[in-house]
Protein backbone atom coordinates (compact mmCIF):
# COMPACT_ATOMS: atom_id res chain seq x y z
CA MET A 1 0.00 0.00 0.00
CA HIS A 2 2.80 2.39 0.86
CA ARG A 3 4.47 1.54 -2.46
CA LEU A 4 1.26 2.35 -4.39
CA ILE A 5 0.96 5.74 -2.65
CA LEU A 6 4.59 6.51 -3.49
CA VAL A 7 4.07 5.72 -7.18
CA TYR A 8 0.94 7.89 -7.29
CA THR A 9 2.82 10.79 -5.68
CA LEU A 10 5.66 10.58 -8.23
CA VAL A 11 3.22 10.57 -11.18
CA CYS A 12 1.40 13.64 -9.88
CA ALA A 13 4.69 15.46 -9.28
CA ASN A 14 5.89 14.76 -12.82
CA PHE A 15 2.57 15.85 -14.33
CA CYS A 16 2.51 19.11 -12.39
CA SER A 17 6.11 19.93 -13.29
CA TYR A 18 5.38 19.27 -16.97
CA ARG A 19 2.44 21.69 -16.92
CA ASP A 20 4.54 24.35 -15.22
CA THR A 21 7.43 24.08 -17.66
CA SER A 22 5.14 24.18 -20.68
CA ALA A 23 3.07 27.12 -19.50
CA ALA A 24 5.79 29.42 -18.15
CA PRO A 25 7.58 30.26 -21.41
CA GLN A 26 4.42 31.42 -23.20
CA SER A 27 5.00 35.06 -22.25
CA ALA A 28 8.52 35.03 -23.69
CA PRO A 29 7.56 34.40 -27.35
CA ILE A 30 4.82 37.05 -27.11
CA LYS A 31 7.28 39.60 -25.75
CA ALA A 32 9.81 38.71 -28.43
CA LEU A 33 7.12 39.07 -31.10
CA ARG A 34 6.23 42.54 -29.84
CA ASN A 35 9.87 43.58 -29.88
CA ALA A 36 10.26 42.22 -33.40
CA ASN A 37 7.36 44.37 -34.59
CA LEU A 38 9.01 47.54 -33.23
CA ARG A 39 11.72 47.90 -35.86
CA ARG A 40 14.15 50.78 -35.54
CA ASP A 41 13.51 51.96 -39.09
CA ASP A 42 9.72 52.23 -38.68
CA LEU A 43 8.56 55.83 -39.10
CA TYR A 44 5.99 57.57 -36.97
CA ARG A 45 3.72 59.30 -39.49
CA ARG A 46 1.29 62.14 -38.95
CA ASP A 47 -0.57 64.29 -41.46
CA GLU A 48 -2.27 67.45 -40.17
CA THR A 49 -4.38 70.06 -41.96
CA ILE A 50 -4.33 73.64 -40.64
CA GLN A 51 -6.71 76.45 -41.60
CA VAL A 52 -4.70 79.67 -41.55
CA THR A 53 -6.95 82.42 -40.19
CA GLY A 54 -4.26 84.33 -38.30
CA ASN A 55 -0.78 83.90 -36.92
CA GLY A 56 0.47 80.54 -35.74
CA HIS A 57 3.40 78.16 -35.89
CA VAL A 58 4.43 74.56 -36.47
CA GLN A 59 7.57 73.02 -35.03
CA SER A 60 9.57 69.86 -34.66
CA PRO A 61 8.69 67.86 -31.52
CA ARG A 62 10.48 69.00 -28.33
CA PHE A 63 11.75 72.22 -29.98
CA PRO A 64 14.19 73.76 -29.03
CA ASN A 65 15.46 70.51 -27.52
CA SER A 66 16.70 67.58 -29.59
CA TYR A 67 13.98 66.17 -31.84
CA PRO A 68 13.07 62.44 -31.87
CA ARG A 69 14.13 59.89 -34.46
CA ASN A 70 12.07 58.13 -37.16
CA LEU A 71 9.51 60.85 -37.87
CA LEU A 72 7.56 61.74 -40.99
CA LEU A 73 5.34 64.72 -40.19
CA THR A 74 3.26 66.68 -42.69
CA TRP A 75 1.40 69.96 -42.24
CA ARG A 76 -0.99 71.13 -44.98
CA LEU A 77 -1.77 74.83 -44.59
CA HIS A 78 -4.83 76.40 -46.24
CA SER A 79 -5.93 80.03 -46.18
CA GLN A 80 -8.91 81.89 -47.64
CA GLU A 81 -9.25 82.54 -51.34
CA LYS A 82 -7.31 85.54 -52.68
CA THR A 83 -4.77 85.24 -49.87
CA ARG A 84 -1.33 83.70 -49.63
CA ILE A 85 0.58 82.09 -46.79
CA GLN A 86 3.85 83.47 -45.49
CA LEU A 87 6.39 81.31 -43.63
CA VAL A 88 9.21 82.62 -41.45
CA PHE A 89 11.74 80.27 -39.82
CA ASP A 90 12.88 80.83 -36.25
CA ASN A 91 16.54 81.83 -36.00
CA GLN A 92 17.20 78.78 -33.82
CA PHE A 93 17.38 76.22 -36.62
CA GLY A 94 19.38 73.00 -36.64
CA LEU A 95 19.03 69.59 -38.28
CA GLU A 96 21.40 66.80 -39.24
CA GLU A 97 24.11 67.88 -41.67
CA ALA A 98 23.82 67.36 -45.42
CA GLU A 99 25.81 64.70 -47.26
CA ASN A 100 27.59 66.04 -50.35
CA ASP A 101 25.38 69.16 -50.16
CA ILE A 102 22.23 67.01 -50.32
CA CYS A 103 19.73 66.77 -47.44
CA ARG A 104 19.30 62.99 -47.40
CA TYR A 105 18.55 62.09 -43.79
CA ASP A 106 16.87 64.74 -41.62
CA PHE A 107 15.25 67.66 -43.44
CA VAL A 108 12.32 70.06 -43.61
CA GLU A 109 10.74 70.65 -47.02
CA VAL A 110 8.25 73.24 -48.24
CA GLU A 111 6.04 72.70 -51.30
CA ASP A 112 3.72 75.06 -53.15
CA ILE A 113 0.41 73.32 -53.88
CA SER A 114 -1.98 74.24 -56.68
CA GLU A 115 -4.70 72.44 -58.64
CA THR A 116 -2.34 71.64 -61.49
CA SER A 117 1.14 71.31 -59.99
CA THR A 118 3.33 70.95 -56.94
CA ILE A 119 6.52 73.02 -56.73
CA ILE A 120 9.24 72.28 -54.19
CA ARG A 121 10.26 75.65 -52.77
CA GLY A 122 13.19 74.20 -50.88
CA ARG A 123 14.61 71.44 -48.69
CA TRP A 124 16.82 72.41 -45.75
CA CYS A 125 19.04 70.71 -43.18
CA GLY A 126 22.20 71.51 -41.20
CA TYR A 127 22.45 74.50 -38.91
CA LYS A 128 24.72 77.12 -40.51
CA GLU A 129 22.01 79.07 -42.31
CA VAL A 130 18.38 79.79 -41.48
CA PRO A 131 16.02 79.08 -44.42
CA PRO A 132 14.58 82.13 -46.19
CA ARG A 133 11.20 83.73 -45.76
CA ILE A 134 8.66 82.09 -48.08
CA THR A 135 5.38 83.38 -49.50
CA SER A 136 3.16 80.83 -51.24
CA ARG A 137 1.96 81.31 -54.79
CA THR A 138 -1.53 80.14 -53.92
CA ASN A 139 -3.53 79.77 -50.72
CA GLN A 140 -2.05 76.32 -50.03
CA ILE A 141 1.36 75.22 -48.86
CA LYS A 142 2.76 71.95 -47.52
CA ILE A 143 5.50 71.44 -44.91
CA THR A 144 7.19 68.05 -44.44
CA PHE A 145 9.65 67.06 -41.71
CA LYS A 146 11.57 63.78 -41.81
CA SER A 147 14.12 62.33 -39.40
CA ASP A 148 15.88 58.98 -39.72
CA ASP A 149 16.95 56.49 -37.03
CA TYR A 150 20.21 58.31 -36.23
CA PHE A 151 20.01 60.56 -33.17
CA VAL A 152 21.53 64.03 -33.42
CA ALA A 153 21.58 66.69 -30.71
CA LYS A 154 20.03 69.49 -32.77
CA PRO A 155 17.13 71.81 -31.83
CA GLY A 156 15.03 71.19 -34.94
CA PHE A 157 12.93 74.06 -36.30
CA LYS A 158 10.00 76.36 -35.66
CA ILE A 159 8.06 77.97 -38.53
CA TYR A 160 5.76 80.95 -37.99
CA TYR A 161 2.90 81.22 -40.48
CA SER A 162 0.46 83.99 -41.35
CA PHE A 163 -1.69 84.95 -44.32
CA VAL A 164 -1.22 87.99 -46.54
CA GLU A 165 -3.54 89.56 -49.06
CA ASP A 166 -2.87 88.46 -52.61
CA PHE A 167 -1.06 91.19 -54.56
CA GLN A 168 -3.44 92.41 -57.25
CA PRO A 169 -2.81 95.97 -58.58
CA ALA A 170 -6.08 97.86 -58.64
CA ALA A 171 -5.50 99.28 -62.13
CA ALA A 172 -4.57 95.96 -63.68
CA SER A 173 -6.75 94.33 -66.27
CA GLU A 174 -6.57 91.02 -68.09
CA THR A 175 -6.09 92.67 -71.48
CA ASN A 176 -3.66 95.47 -70.67
CA TRP A 177 -1.56 94.30 -67.73
CA GLU A 178 1.67 95.47 -69.36
CA SER A 179 0.71 99.12 -68.92
CA VAL A 180 0.66 98.96 -65.12
CA THR A 181 3.38 100.56 -63.00
CA SER A 182 3.41 99.37 -59.38
CA SER A 183 5.34 100.95 -56.54
CA ILE A 184 6.34 98.52 -53.79
CA SER A 185 8.42 99.58 -50.79
CA GLY A 186 9.89 102.53 -52.63
CA VAL A 187 11.08 100.56 -55.66
CA SER A 188 9.23 101.22 -58.90
CA TYR A 189 8.62 98.27 -61.21
CA HIS A 190 7.82 99.40 -64.76
CA SER A 191 6.46 97.19 -67.48
CA PRO A 192 8.11 97.27 -70.93
CA SER A 193 5.40 99.54 -72.35
CA VAL A 194 6.21 102.39 -69.94
CA THR A 195 9.99 101.99 -69.82
CA ASP A 196 12.29 104.59 -71.32
CA PRO A 197 11.75 104.10 -75.08
CA THR A 198 15.44 104.76 -75.82
CA LEU A 199 16.43 101.60 -73.92
CA THR A 200 15.21 98.57 -75.83
CA ALA A 201 15.03 95.08 -74.38
CA ASP A 202 18.06 94.00 -76.43
CA ALA A 203 20.07 97.00 -75.24
CA LEU A 204 19.04 96.36 -71.64
CA ASP A 205 20.02 92.71 -71.97
CA LYS A 206 23.48 93.67 -73.26
CA THR A 207 23.90 96.12 -70.37
CA ILE A 208 23.02 93.51 -67.76
CA ALA A 209 25.49 91.09 -69.36
CA GLU A 210 28.35 93.44 -68.44
CA PHE A 211 27.84 93.09 -64.67
CA ASP A 212 28.50 90.20 -62.29
CA THR A 213 26.62 91.40 -59.19
CA VAL A 214 23.30 93.07 -58.45
CA GLU A 215 25.15 95.77 -56.51
CA ASP A 216 27.22 96.78 -59.53
CA LEU A 217 24.14 96.69 -61.72
CA LEU A 218 22.19 99.02 -59.43
CA LYS A 219 25.17 101.37 -59.22
CA HIS A 220 25.10 101.64 -63.00
CA PHE A 221 21.37 102.37 -63.23
CA ASN A 222 21.07 104.62 -60.17
CA PRO A 223 24.46 105.97 -59.00
CA GLU A 224 22.81 108.20 -56.39
CA SER A 225 20.18 105.87 -54.93
CA TRP A 226 21.61 102.39 -55.52
CA GLN A 227 22.13 101.74 -51.78
CA GLU A 228 18.53 102.57 -50.99
CA ASP A 229 17.34 100.40 -53.87
CA LEU A 230 19.47 97.51 -52.62
CA GLU A 231 18.07 97.86 -49.09
CA ASN A 232 14.52 97.95 -50.44
CA LEU A 233 15.03 94.55 -52.01
CA TYR A 234 14.98 93.08 -48.49
CA LEU A 235 12.00 94.87 -47.02
CA ASP A 236 8.95 92.81 -46.10
CA THR A 237 6.46 93.09 -48.94
CA PRO A 238 3.28 91.15 -49.69
CA HIS A 239 4.29 90.17 -53.20
CA TYR A 240 5.91 86.86 -54.04
CA ARG A 241 9.59 86.36 -53.30
CA GLY A 242 11.76 84.15 -55.45
CA ARG A 243 13.27 80.95 -54.03
CA SER A 244 16.71 82.55 -54.14
CA TYR A 245 15.66 85.26 -51.65
CA HIS A 246 17.45 85.17 -48.29
CA ASP A 247 16.95 87.50 -45.35
CA ARG A 248 20.35 89.19 -45.42
CA LYS A 249 21.63 92.69 -46.04
CA SER A 250 24.92 92.29 -47.92
CA LYS A 251 24.26 90.65 -51.26
CA VAL A 252 21.34 88.79 -52.69
CA ASP A 253 21.67 85.23 -53.91
CA LEU A 254 21.24 86.39 -57.49
CA ASP A 255 24.98 87.08 -57.44
CA ARG A 256 25.68 83.49 -56.45
CA LEU A 257 23.36 82.14 -59.13
CA ASN A 258 25.07 84.28 -61.75
CA ASP A 259 28.48 83.09 -60.58
CA ASP A 260 27.36 79.45 -60.56
CA VAL A 261 26.56 79.67 -64.27
CA LYS A 262 30.11 80.75 -65.02
CA ARG A 263 31.70 78.22 -62.68
CA TYR A 264 29.70 75.09 -63.39
CA SER A 265 28.18 75.27 -66.87
CA CYS A 266 31.34 73.83 -68.43
CA THR A 267 32.62 71.22 -65.97
CA PRO A 268 33.63 67.54 -65.93
CA ARG A 269 30.63 65.31 -65.33
CA ASN A 270 29.70 61.63 -65.37
CA TYR A 271 29.63 60.08 -68.82
CA SER A 272 29.15 56.38 -69.58
CA VAL A 273 31.39 54.74 -72.21
CA ASN A 274 31.16 51.35 -73.87
CA LEU A 275 34.54 49.72 -73.24
CA ARG A 276 34.79 47.89 -76.56
CA GLU A 277 34.02 51.08 -78.46
CA GLU A 278 36.20 53.27 -76.25
CA LEU A 279 39.22 50.93 -76.52
CA LYS A 280 38.46 50.02 -80.15
CA LEU A 281 38.69 46.30 -79.41
CA THR A 282 36.48 43.87 -81.31
CA ASN A 283 38.00 40.53 -80.27
CA VAL A 284 37.33 40.80 -76.50
CA VAL A 285 34.36 41.40 -74.23
CA PHE A 286 34.38 43.15 -70.85
CA PHE A 287 32.34 43.04 -67.71
CA PRO A 288 31.04 45.54 -66.87
CA ARG A 289 30.39 46.41 -70.49
CA CYS A 290 30.27 50.14 -69.65
CA LEU A 291 31.97 52.38 -67.08
CA LEU A 292 31.54 55.93 -65.85
CA VAL A 293 34.24 58.47 -66.69
CA GLN A 294 34.55 62.22 -66.21
CA ARG A 295 34.08 64.10 -69.46
CA CYS A 296 33.47 67.76 -70.27
CA GLY A 297 29.89 68.58 -71.05
CA GLY A 298 27.25 71.25 -71.00
CA ASN A 299 27.13 74.59 -72.74
CA CYS A 300 29.13 77.68 -71.85
CA GLY A 301 29.37 81.39 -72.50
CA CYS A 302 25.64 81.86 -71.93
CA GLY A 303 24.65 85.52 -72.11
CA THR A 304 27.77 86.63 -73.98
CA VAL A 305 28.01 87.78 -77.58
CA ASN A 306 28.00 84.85 -80.04
CA TRP A 307 27.75 82.40 -77.14
CA LYS A 308 26.19 79.78 -79.39
CA SER A 309 29.57 79.34 -81.08
CA CYS A 310 31.18 78.35 -77.75
CA THR A 311 32.00 74.73 -76.97
CA CYS A 312 33.08 73.05 -73.75
CA ASN A 313 36.33 71.15 -74.40
CA SER A 314 38.87 69.38 -72.23
CA GLY A 315 41.65 71.57 -70.88
CA LYS A 316 43.41 68.71 -69.09
CA THR A 317 43.04 64.99 -69.79
CA VAL A 318 44.48 62.21 -67.62
CA LYS A 319 44.39 58.42 -67.92
CA LYS A 320 43.04 56.41 -65.01
CA TYR A 321 43.16 52.67 -64.39
CA HIS A 322 40.01 50.57 -64.04
CA GLU A 323 39.92 46.89 -63.10
CA VAL A 324 37.48 44.86 -65.20
CA LEU A 325 36.88 41.26 -66.21
CA LYS A 326 38.03 40.50 -69.76
CA PHE A 327 36.68 37.63 -71.84
CA GLU A 328 38.25 36.27 -75.00
CA PRO A 329 36.51 33.98 -77.52
CA GLY A 330 36.71 30.31 -76.54
CA TYR A 331 34.98 27.53 -74.65
CA PHE A 332 33.85 28.31 -71.12
CA ARG A 333 32.15 25.07 -70.08
CA ARG A 334 35.31 23.09 -69.43
CA ARG A 335 36.08 22.12 -65.88
CA GLY A 336 38.98 23.73 -64.13
CA ARG A 337 40.30 27.24 -64.37
CA ALA A 338 39.01 29.28 -67.27
CA LYS A 339 41.80 30.27 -69.60
CA HIS A 340 39.83 32.78 -71.60
CA MET A 341 38.94 35.29 -68.89
CA ALA A 342 40.97 37.33 -66.45
CA LEU A 343 40.91 40.48 -64.33
CA VAL A 344 42.83 43.17 -66.17
CA ASP A 345 43.56 46.88 -65.77
CA ILE A 346 42.47 49.17 -68.57
CA GLN A 347 43.13 52.88 -69.05
CA LEU A 348 40.38 55.37 -69.78
CA ASP A 349 40.59 59.09 -70.45
CA HIS A 350 39.18 61.40 -67.78
CA HIS A 351 38.80 65.17 -68.19
CA GLU A 352 40.06 67.00 -65.11
CA ARG A 353 39.54 70.54 -66.40
CA CYS A 354 37.21 72.01 -68.98
CA ASP A 355 37.69 75.19 -71.02
CA CYS A 356 35.04 77.24 -72.76
CA ILE A 357 36.31 77.85 -76.31
CA CYS A 358 34.50 80.38 -78.47
CA SER A 359 35.24 81.21 -82.08
CA SER A 360 35.10 84.96 -81.38
CA ARG A 361 37.62 84.99 -78.52
CA PRO A 362 40.59 82.97 -77.19
CA PRO A 363 40.11 80.13 -74.67
CA ARG A 364 39.56 81.06 -71.03
């Protein structure tokens, strides 16, 4: 009898321990599954619509403290008909730095929205320069903020918004809009029909071509009031500002844009070449079949006299080595080491400097 009770006790103990060991781990797989669903690269998304009836602002979370990771936030701003929306960035602005001058990771982007198109007004990151003041072209504008999974100790941004009355000159008409002269902030803007008749458009174009900066151009047109005219370019006005506008007092970005044309129109750029054609070899095949090289391209001399005769040619050519796989005709299905293919170094021409050569003047 005692032996039977002992056997019964052992069976019950084993059964109870089996139930305990099988039931206890159930919470572990569930917890692991939850953790697996929370991937680091998952974005928190939010899309918000704002009716602009007065002054307000949008900002990155925790501003001016460090903003969170993995965000994709969108604000769609709408104002009344016949009004526009003006955006002004807070001076305390800082996001993750750009890579090769491109905002790839963390950025804030502003888009102009209309019924027929969407225009990107700008994408900004880094911290060295506050984005410019922006006035929408219509009564809609979109702001997007994105951050990736890399944490940076930057304050983010804060954007103040307000609406402004759409600029419509009272004397303007749909059939005779050229005859309107509008005075904004002390600077008079004349249409071609009321400009000095002795200065034709072609003559004005040739005059502008002689200057490299807006400051020098204004000095030429108005030697006595050029400083006042330059200052007036930066005053707050309700009319639309170009994307190149920045809130600074020294020089406008038009100078930089003009200089960029001269610097970068005729420059080395990526160009793909077929290796067999480039090396003039017909009895071999290469992999890759094509490679990227630096070759001069683009036009140059834009805005100068006879600029259409100008060509962008190499001013310095160097040969660079590239390692490729070369195949020669033969049988490739034999076992053992292939005798008809090998890694080889080939030389390709790269253009390191480009010169703008025009028929009417020597190379520069």
